[in-house]
Amino acid sequence: MFDYEPHHDYTEKHAMMVKDFLNLLAEKMHANHLELGFCISDWGILKFYDVYAESNVDVFATMSVTYYGRDVAKNKVGVKKLLRAIDAQRVQIGIKSAVREPKDPVTGEIPQTSYKKPSRWTHHRLKNFLRWVARYTDIKQLHVWPESWGRRSRTKAFFFRTLRGFTKGRENDTVTTTSTAMPPTQKPKTTKTKLTKKTKTAKKSKPTKAPKKAKTPKKAKKKKKKKKKKKKT
């Protein structure tokens, strides 16, 4: 993904020079079975969509046109304008993630951080925008740019749920991310089981007794005694 953001000479001539460079780069990339991406936006030379559409760039990734989630209606207008110049199959919507900072393991406090260009995405805004992209455009690609590169920064859970909803049932969709932030850790579910008296204390096993000798029936004993008496007489 090639990112070039000059802050001077916002002319179409400059954009044409960039297009020529991109074509040379794409030729080398394609020769090695690789694709070339280019970041575009709605300012400076990055807004000359018609010029770049004629290049051999494979994928165009949006930046501030869709990044921050400050104004979803404006994001939609920007996407519509982009699609009038570039085919949807070559467009990759860029979203800036929203992160949370976990408690500091030493102090136990949550760090108070501020970002120069913070993400304004909420669950409702992100769901609204991505649902519109899925329903009313043929765009099938997204990329997520991290709000923070902090070692302990964690992307908010709703981002993962919403992105999963965007790709569900769309086999050719791709979601890429440059973020190393991990999803919030989930505590394992614990199931409580009620203990009965039988399960609380195991029953003591009784020692096995030796089998008793079989007793001879009383009638048999009486018959034996009578036989002895007869013999004596």
Protein backbone atom coordinates (compact mmCIF):
# COMPACT_ATOMS: atom_id res chain seq x y z
CA MET A 1 0.00 0.00 0.00
CA PHE A 2 1.65 3.22 -1.21
CA ASP A 3 0.96 6.35 0.85
CA TYR A 4 2.03 9.71 -0.55
CA GLU A 5 0.63 12.86 1.09
CA PRO A 6 2.38 16.01 -0.18
CA HIS A 7 1.38 19.29 1.47
CA HIS A 8 2.28 21.50 -1.46
CA ASP A 9 1.63 21.80 -5.21
CA TYR A 10 -1.98 20.61 -5.23
CA THR A 11 -2.17 20.62 -9.04
CA GLU A 12 -3.47 18.07 -11.49
CA LYS A 13 -0.04 18.06 -13.15
CA HIS A 14 1.44 16.81 -9.90
CA ALA A 15 -1.24 14.09 -9.77
CA MET A 16 -0.35 13.04 -13.33
CA MET A 17 3.30 12.64 -12.31
CA VAL A 18 2.24 10.46 -9.40
CA LYS A 19 0.11 8.35 -11.75
CA ASP A 20 3.10 7.76 -14.04
CA PHE A 21 5.18 6.69 -11.06
CA LEU A 22 2.43 4.35 -9.88
CA ASN A 23 2.27 2.71 -13.31
CA LEU A 24 6.00 2.01 -13.25
CA LEU A 25 5.74 0.61 -9.73
CA ALA A 26 2.69 -1.49 -10.63
CA GLU A 27 4.55 -2.98 -13.61
CA LYS A 28 7.32 -4.23 -11.33
CA MET A 29 4.86 -5.47 -8.70
CA HIS A 30 2.73 -7.36 -11.20
CA ALA A 31 5.83 -8.97 -12.71
CA ASN A 32 6.40 -10.54 -9.29
CA HIS A 33 2.74 -11.55 -8.85
CA LEU A 34 2.10 -8.78 -6.32
CA GLU A 35 -0.60 -6.12 -6.12
CA LEU A 36 -0.22 -2.38 -5.63
CA GLY A 37 -2.46 -0.26 -3.44
CA PHE A 38 -2.62 3.54 -3.21
CA CYS A 39 -4.12 5.72 -0.46
CA ILE A 40 -6.53 8.41 -1.67
CA SER A 41 -8.56 11.11 0.05
CA ASP A 42 -10.61 14.25 -0.53
CA TRP A 43 -7.81 16.83 -0.24
CA GLY A 44 -4.66 17.93 -2.08
CA ILE A 45 -3.61 15.86 -5.07
CA LEU A 46 -5.27 12.79 -3.56
CA LYS A 47 -8.69 14.01 -4.69
CA PHE A 48 -7.97 13.62 -8.44
CA TYR A 49 -9.85 10.34 -8.62
CA ASP A 50 -10.26 10.48 -12.41
CA VAL A 51 -6.50 10.67 -12.89
CA TYR A 52 -5.67 7.71 -10.65
CA ALA A 53 -8.52 5.63 -12.05
CA GLU A 54 -6.56 5.44 -15.33
CA SER A 55 -3.53 3.97 -13.55
CA ASN A 56 -2.72 0.28 -13.10
CA VAL A 57 -3.18 0.43 -9.34
CA ASP A 58 -5.09 -2.60 -8.07
CA VAL A 59 -6.65 -1.19 -4.90
CA PHE A 60 -7.46 2.36 -3.73
CA ALA A 61 -7.73 2.74 0.03
CA THR A 62 -9.69 5.69 1.40
CA MET A 63 -8.29 7.79 4.22
CA SER A 64 -10.00 10.83 5.77
CA VAL A 65 -12.98 10.43 3.41
CA THR A 66 -14.19 7.64 5.68
CA TYR A 67 -11.68 7.35 8.54
CA TYR A 68 -12.99 9.17 11.59
CA GLY A 69 -16.74 8.72 11.79
CA ARG A 70 -17.39 12.37 12.67
CA ASP A 71 -20.16 12.74 10.08
CA VAL A 72 -21.58 9.54 8.58
CA ALA A 73 -23.71 11.45 6.06
CA LYS A 74 -20.58 13.19 4.76
CA ASN A 75 -18.77 9.85 4.60
CA LYS A 76 -21.52 8.49 2.35
CA VAL A 77 -21.34 11.50 0.04
CA GLY A 78 -17.56 11.05 -0.24
CA VAL A 79 -17.92 7.39 -1.15
CA LYS A 80 -20.53 8.17 -3.82
CA LYS A 81 -18.22 10.75 -5.39
CA LEU A 82 -15.35 8.27 -5.37
CA LEU A 83 -17.43 5.56 -7.04
CA ARG A 84 -18.31 7.87 -9.92
CA ALA A 85 -14.63 7.74 -10.93
CA ILE A 86 -13.31 4.40 -9.67
CA ASP A 87 -14.88 0.96 -9.93
CA ALA A 88 -16.13 -0.43 -6.60
CA GLN A 89 -14.06 -3.60 -7.01
CA ARG A 90 -10.91 -1.46 -6.73
CA VAL A 91 -12.05 0.49 -3.65
CA GLN A 92 -11.11 -0.36 -0.09
CA ILE A 93 -12.93 1.57 2.64
CA GLY A 94 -10.64 2.80 5.41
CA ILE A 95 -11.88 2.93 9.01
CA LYS A 96 -9.97 4.26 11.99
CA SER A 97 -10.40 1.98 14.99
CA ALA A 98 -11.58 3.12 18.42
CA VAL A 99 -9.36 1.89 21.24
CA ARG A 100 -9.51 1.63 24.99
CA GLU A 101 -6.66 1.72 27.44
CA PRO A 102 -6.66 -1.03 30.10
CA LYS A 103 -5.67 -0.40 33.70
CA ASP A 104 -2.00 0.08 34.37
CA PRO A 105 -0.75 -3.13 36.03
CA VAL A 106 1.42 -1.16 38.46
CA THR A 107 -0.77 1.80 39.47
CA GLY A 108 -4.16 0.22 38.73
CA GLU A 109 -5.27 3.44 37.02
CA ILE A 110 -6.65 3.83 33.50
CA PRO A 111 -4.28 6.07 31.46
CA GLN A 112 -5.88 9.28 30.21
CA THR A 113 -4.85 9.56 26.57
CA SER A 114 -5.72 12.03 23.84
CA TYR A 115 -5.13 11.64 20.13
CA LYS A 116 -4.48 14.33 17.57
CA LYS A 117 -7.19 12.97 15.25
CA PRO A 118 -9.37 10.74 17.43
CA SER A 119 -11.81 8.20 16.10
CA ARG A 120 -15.45 9.23 16.59
CA TRP A 121 -16.91 5.89 15.68
CA THR A 122 -19.55 4.46 17.97
CA HIS A 123 -21.27 1.13 17.59
CA HIS A 124 -24.37 2.80 16.10
CA ARG A 125 -22.44 5.00 13.65
CA LEU A 126 -20.17 2.22 12.43
CA LYS A 127 -23.05 -0.21 12.01
CA ASN A 128 -25.07 2.41 10.13
CA PHE A 129 -22.23 3.25 7.75
CA LEU A 130 -21.11 -0.31 7.01
CA ARG A 131 -24.69 -1.45 6.51
CA TRP A 132 -25.11 1.34 3.93
CA VAL A 133 -21.86 0.30 2.18
CA ALA A 134 -23.00 -3.33 2.06
CA ARG A 135 -26.51 -2.57 0.79
CA TYR A 136 -26.03 0.31 -1.61
CA THR A 137 -22.54 -0.17 -3.06
CA ASP A 138 -20.54 -3.04 -4.53
CA ILE A 139 -17.54 -2.34 -2.30
CA LYS A 140 -16.31 -5.54 -0.70
CA GLN A 141 -13.07 -4.47 0.97
CA LEU A 142 -12.27 -2.73 4.24
CA HIS A 143 -9.10 -1.86 6.09
CA VAL A 144 -8.74 -0.75 9.70
CA TRP A 145 -6.16 1.82 10.77
CA PRO A 146 -5.32 1.79 14.52
CA GLU A 147 -6.24 4.84 16.56
CA SER A 148 -3.24 4.15 18.76
CA TRP A 149 0.03 2.29 18.30
CA GLY A 150 0.39 1.94 22.07
CA ARG A 151 1.77 -1.38 23.25
CA ARG A 152 -1.17 -1.92 25.59
CA SER A 153 -3.92 -0.32 23.49
CA ARG A 154 -6.90 -2.54 22.82
CA THR A 155 -9.46 -2.15 20.04
CA LYS A 156 -12.98 -1.82 21.43
CA ALA A 157 -15.09 -4.97 21.22
CA PHE A 158 -17.89 -3.43 19.14
CA PHE A 159 -15.44 -2.98 16.24
CA PHE A 160 -14.90 -6.71 15.91
CA ARG A 161 -18.60 -7.49 16.17
CA THR A 162 -19.54 -4.89 13.54
CA LEU A 163 -16.82 -5.90 11.09
CA ARG A 164 -17.88 -9.52 11.44
CA GLY A 165 -21.43 -8.45 10.62
CA PHE A 166 -20.21 -6.69 7.47
CA THR A 167 -18.46 -9.78 6.09
CA LYS A 168 -21.13 -12.31 7.13
CA GLY A 169 -22.62 -13.93 4.07
CA ARG A 170 -20.31 -12.10 1.67
CA GLU A 171 -17.81 -14.69 0.48
CA ASN A 172 -15.53 -12.37 -1.50
CA ASP A 173 -15.17 -9.68 1.15
CA THR A 174 -11.82 -8.94 2.74
CA VAL A 175 -11.03 -7.06 5.91
CA THR A 176 -7.40 -6.12 6.42
CA THR A 177 -5.84 -4.35 9.35
CA THR A 178 -2.53 -2.69 10.11
CA SER A 179 -3.27 -2.78 13.80
CA THR A 180 -1.48 -5.05 16.25
CA ALA A 181 -4.09 -4.32 18.91
CA MET A 182 -5.73 -7.43 20.27
CA PRO A 183 -9.42 -7.84 21.08
CA PRO A 184 -10.39 -7.32 24.70
CA THR A 185 -9.68 -10.36 26.77
CA GLN A 186 -12.76 -12.22 27.86
CA LYS A 187 -12.99 -13.90 31.19
CA PRO A 188 -13.78 -17.59 30.94
CA LYS A 189 -17.31 -18.46 31.93
CA THR A 190 -17.62 -20.26 35.22
CA THR A 191 -20.53 -22.54 35.90
CA LYS A 192 -21.73 -22.92 39.47
CA THR A 193 -23.01 -26.29 40.58
CA LYS A 194 -25.00 -26.84 43.76
CA LEU A 195 -23.51 -29.41 46.07
CA THR A 196 -25.81 -31.87 47.80
CA LYS A 197 -24.93 -33.72 50.99
CA LYS A 198 -23.98 -36.70 48.88
CA THR A 199 -21.52 -34.69 46.75
CA LYS A 200 -20.11 -32.63 49.62
CA THR A 201 -18.82 -35.65 51.59
CA ALA A 202 -17.96 -38.92 50.04
CA LYS A 203 -19.52 -41.95 51.69
CA LYS A 204 -17.08 -44.10 53.62
CA SER A 205 -16.90 -47.55 52.17
CA LYS A 206 -17.73 -50.25 54.69
CA PRO A 207 -15.22 -53.11 55.06
CA THR A 208 -16.35 -56.29 53.41
CA LYS A 209 -17.21 -59.09 55.84
CA ALA A 210 -16.24 -62.69 55.28
CA PRO A 211 -19.15 -64.82 54.11
CA LYS A 212 -20.87 -66.80 56.87
CA LYS A 213 -20.95 -70.56 56.83
CA ALA A 214 -24.16 -72.00 55.55
CA LYS A 215 -26.39 -73.29 58.38
CA THR A 216 -27.94 -76.74 58.09
CA PRO A 217 -31.71 -76.71 58.28
CA LYS A 218 -33.27 -77.71 61.64
CA LYS A 219 -35.38 -80.51 60.15
CA ALA A 220 -32.29 -82.22 58.80
CA LYS A 221 -30.70 -82.14 62.29
CA LYS A 222 -33.78 -83.78 63.89
CA LYS A 223 -33.77 -86.62 61.32
CA LYS A 224 -30.10 -87.31 62.05
CA LYS A 225 -30.81 -87.51 65.81
CA LYS A 226 -33.70 -90.02 65.25
CA LYS A 227 -31.44 -92.26 63.11
CA LYS A 228 -28.83 -92.31 65.89
CA LYS A 229 -31.43 -93.34 68.47
CA LYS A 230 -32.66 -96.24 66.23
CA LYS A 231 -29.11 -97.53 65.86
CA LYS A 232 -28.66 -97.58 69.63
CA THR A 233 -31.86 -99.60 70.15
